[in-house]
């Protein structure tokens, strides 16, 4: 199996004698064209979240639109679902469909363009709110225990507490069936 993960065409994987190339940025395809890595012998997988008709801005990649279209012919675009398909009431008391209706109504009233990331922003606000609420509760509890001493807490201690609490955060949101952050400490530093 050979697959090419291309930000600079470093790695190549092949499936059934066909190179499968994963494009991680818009400069990969011009490079692929210049290296003759296109046509029926290659399968390109590119992000589906690029701006519509991005290939028409070929001047910014030093490649003509024709060359880009030639290189990406038959490509597969990969994207994500902005909201969960499961209609389970989440932490907000709404299903993803109910949330989407409210979001669309707000957009119409305000005359604002939608963002495909709105559900992730919404769920992210819930993560922050739940985390900070729990941290505040823990600090208030600690303060009550230390009421005969000067209660202080430094930034490092609060940072560790935020990571610990976020690691325990678990709820149903509008974007995924269940938000959980296992082993967040491994991926973050304080």
Protein backbone atom coordinates (compact mmCIF):
# COMPACT_ATOMS: atom_id res chain seq x y z
CA UNK A 1 0.00 0.00 0.00
CA UNK A 2 1.42 3.41 -1.01
CA UNK A 3 -0.25 6.68 0.06
CA UNK A 4 1.14 10.11 -0.59
CA UNK A 5 0.44 12.63 2.18
CA UNK A 6 1.29 15.82 0.42
CA UNK A 7 2.26 19.01 1.96
CA UNK A 8 5.51 18.52 0.10
CA UNK A 9 4.85 15.10 -1.47
CA UNK A 10 6.81 13.27 1.25
CA UNK A 11 5.03 9.95 1.70
CA UNK A 12 3.42 7.75 -0.94
CA UNK A 13 1.05 4.84 -0.28
CA UNK A 14 -0.22 2.49 -2.97
CA UNK A 15 -3.49 0.55 -2.90
CA UNK A 16 -3.92 -2.13 -5.59
CA UNK A 17 -1.08 -0.70 -7.67
CA UNK A 18 -2.65 2.80 -7.59
CA UNK A 19 -0.88 5.55 -5.65
CA UNK A 20 -3.34 7.20 -3.25
CA UNK A 21 -2.30 10.78 -2.59
CA UNK A 22 -3.72 12.84 0.28
CA UNK A 23 -3.44 16.55 -0.40
CA UNK A 24 -3.01 18.59 2.79
CA UNK A 25 -2.74 22.00 1.16
CA UNK A 26 -3.43 23.76 -2.10
CA UNK A 27 0.21 23.79 -3.22
CA UNK A 28 0.42 20.00 -3.42
CA UNK A 29 -1.46 19.68 -6.71
CA UNK A 30 0.79 22.06 -8.66
CA UNK A 31 3.76 20.07 -7.34
CA UNK A 32 2.01 16.86 -8.36
CA UNK A 33 1.40 18.21 -11.86
CA UNK A 34 5.06 19.19 -12.23
CA UNK A 35 6.10 15.67 -11.09
CA UNK A 36 3.58 14.01 -13.47
CA UNK A 37 1.72 12.53 -10.47
CA UNK A 38 -1.75 12.65 -11.99
CA UNK A 39 -4.01 10.74 -14.32
CA UNK A 40 -5.66 7.35 -14.05
CA UNK A 41 -2.69 5.89 -12.18
CA UNK A 42 -3.18 8.25 -9.20
CA UNK A 43 -6.03 8.88 -6.79
CA UNK A 44 -6.03 12.26 -5.05
CA UNK A 45 -7.89 12.84 -1.80
CA UNK A 46 -8.23 16.53 -0.95
CA UNK A 47 -9.97 18.48 1.82
CA UNK A 48 -13.55 19.36 0.92
CA UNK A 49 -13.60 22.56 2.93
CA UNK A 50 -11.63 24.69 0.48
CA UNK A 51 -13.37 27.78 -0.86
CA UNK A 52 -15.61 27.01 -3.85
CA UNK A 53 -13.69 27.02 -7.15
CA UNK A 54 -10.39 27.51 -5.30
CA UNK A 55 -8.54 26.18 -8.32
CA UNK A 56 -9.47 29.35 -10.23
CA UNK A 57 -7.03 31.29 -8.05
CA UNK A 58 -4.17 29.48 -9.73
CA UNK A 59 -1.97 32.56 -9.82
CA UNK A 60 -1.36 32.24 -6.10
CA UNK A 61 0.03 28.72 -6.57
CA UNK A 62 2.15 29.38 -9.69
CA UNK A 63 0.04 26.91 -11.63
CA UNK A 64 -2.59 27.48 -14.29
CA UNK A 65 -6.21 26.52 -13.72
CA UNK A 66 -5.92 23.98 -16.54
CA UNK A 67 -2.94 22.27 -14.88
CA UNK A 68 -4.71 22.15 -11.51
CA UNK A 69 -7.85 20.68 -13.06
CA UNK A 70 -5.73 18.13 -14.90
CA UNK A 71 -3.87 17.12 -11.74
CA UNK A 72 -7.02 16.81 -9.62
CA UNK A 73 -9.23 15.05 -12.18
CA UNK A 74 -11.16 12.27 -10.44
CA UNK A 75 -10.23 13.50 -6.97
CA UNK A 76 -12.12 12.53 -3.82
CA UNK A 77 -13.01 15.39 -1.46
CA UNK A 78 -13.26 14.65 2.26
CA UNK A 79 -15.30 16.84 4.57
CA UNK A 80 -17.02 16.66 7.95
CA UNK A 81 -20.61 16.87 9.09
CA UNK A 82 -21.21 20.20 10.81
CA UNK A 83 -23.93 18.78 13.10
CA UNK A 84 -24.66 15.37 14.53
CA UNK A 85 -27.21 13.23 12.70
CA UNK A 86 -28.32 11.76 16.04
CA UNK A 87 -31.32 13.68 17.30
CA UNK A 88 -30.53 13.39 20.99
CA UNK A 89 -31.20 16.34 23.32
CA UNK A 90 -27.84 17.61 24.44
CA UNK A 91 -26.55 19.72 27.28
CA UNK A 92 -28.47 22.75 25.99
CA UNK A 93 -31.76 20.86 26.04
CA UNK A 94 -31.93 20.96 22.23
CA UNK A 95 -31.45 18.37 19.52
CA UNK A 96 -29.04 19.27 16.70
CA UNK A 97 -32.05 19.98 14.42
CA UNK A 98 -33.63 22.31 17.00
CA UNK A 99 -30.31 24.11 17.42
CA UNK A 100 -29.94 24.42 13.63
CA UNK A 101 -33.41 25.96 13.30
CA UNK A 102 -32.56 28.55 15.96
CA UNK A 103 -29.19 29.24 14.35
CA UNK A 104 -30.77 29.70 10.90
CA UNK A 105 -33.44 32.00 12.36
CA UNK A 106 -30.76 34.15 14.02
CA UNK A 107 -28.78 34.34 10.78
CA UNK A 108 -31.84 35.48 8.86
CA UNK A 109 -32.75 38.11 11.44
CA UNK A 110 -29.23 39.51 11.52
CA UNK A 111 -28.47 39.10 7.81
CA UNK A 112 -25.26 37.23 8.54
CA UNK A 113 -23.59 34.52 6.45
CA UNK A 114 -23.48 31.03 8.01
CA UNK A 115 -20.31 29.30 9.13
CA UNK A 116 -19.92 25.57 8.74
CA UNK A 117 -18.09 25.57 12.08
CA UNK A 118 -20.97 27.14 14.07
CA UNK A 119 -21.88 23.89 15.84
CA UNK A 120 -18.29 23.35 16.96
CA UNK A 121 -18.15 26.92 18.29
CA UNK A 122 -21.44 26.33 20.12
CA UNK A 123 -20.24 23.08 21.67
CA UNK A 124 -16.88 24.70 22.44
CA UNK A 125 -18.62 27.41 24.45
CA UNK A 126 -20.36 24.66 26.44
CA UNK A 127 -17.00 22.95 27.09
CA UNK A 128 -15.54 26.23 28.37
CA UNK A 129 -18.61 27.05 30.46
CA UNK A 130 -18.76 23.59 32.06
CA UNK A 131 -15.02 23.62 32.73
CA UNK A 132 -14.91 27.10 34.25
CA UNK A 133 -18.04 26.50 36.33
CA UNK A 134 -16.54 23.32 37.79
CA UNK A 135 -13.16 25.00 38.41
CA UNK A 136 -14.89 27.89 40.22
CA UNK A 137 -16.85 25.39 42.36
CA UNK A 138 -13.66 23.52 43.26
CA UNK A 139 -11.81 26.72 44.13
CA UNK A 140 -14.71 27.96 46.28
CA UNK A 141 -14.77 24.62 48.09
CA UNK A 142 -11.01 24.82 48.67
CA UNK A 143 -11.35 28.41 49.89
CA UNK A 144 -14.02 27.38 52.43
CA UNK A 145 -11.69 24.63 53.70
CA UNK A 146 -8.83 27.13 54.06
CA UNK A 147 -10.94 29.96 55.54
CA UNK A 148 -8.57 30.43 58.48
CA UNK A 149 -5.58 30.89 56.20
CA UNK A 150 -4.85 33.27 53.37
CA UNK A 151 -6.27 31.44 50.38
CA UNK A 152 -4.16 31.82 47.25
CA UNK A 153 -3.84 29.85 44.09
CA UNK A 154 -1.23 30.41 41.39
CA UNK A 155 -1.66 30.30 37.60
CA UNK A 156 0.04 26.93 37.33
CA UNK A 157 -2.34 25.37 39.84
CA UNK A 158 -5.38 26.87 38.07
CA UNK A 159 -4.04 25.70 34.70
CA UNK A 160 -3.63 22.15 36.00
CA UNK A 161 -7.11 22.27 37.51
CA UNK A 162 -8.59 23.47 34.18
CA UNK A 163 -6.92 20.58 32.32
CA UNK A 164 -8.01 18.05 34.95
CA UNK A 165 -11.60 19.29 34.89
CA UNK A 166 -11.68 19.44 31.09
CA UNK A 167 -10.38 15.87 31.05
CA UNK A 168 -13.48 14.89 33.06
CA UNK A 169 -15.86 16.89 30.83
CA UNK A 170 -18.38 14.66 29.14
CA UNK A 171 -21.68 15.73 27.55
CA UNK A 172 -23.91 15.45 24.48
CA UNK A 173 -23.51 18.35 22.07
CA UNK A 174 -24.88 19.36 18.68
CA UNK A 175 -21.83 18.28 16.66
CA UNK A 176 -20.95 14.88 18.06
CA UNK A 177 -22.91 12.31 19.97
CA UNK A 178 -20.79 12.80 23.07
CA UNK A 179 -18.02 15.21 23.95
CA UNK A 180 -15.24 13.71 26.04
CA UNK A 181 -11.59 14.59 26.50
CA UNK A 182 -9.67 11.50 27.53
CA UNK A 183 -6.05 12.13 28.46
CA UNK A 184 -6.14 15.85 27.63
CA UNK A 185 -3.05 16.29 29.81
CA UNK A 186 -0.97 14.35 27.28
CA UNK A 187 -1.75 16.90 24.56
CA UNK A 188 -1.50 20.15 26.53
CA UNK A 189 1.17 21.85 28.53
CA UNK A 190 0.74 24.40 31.26
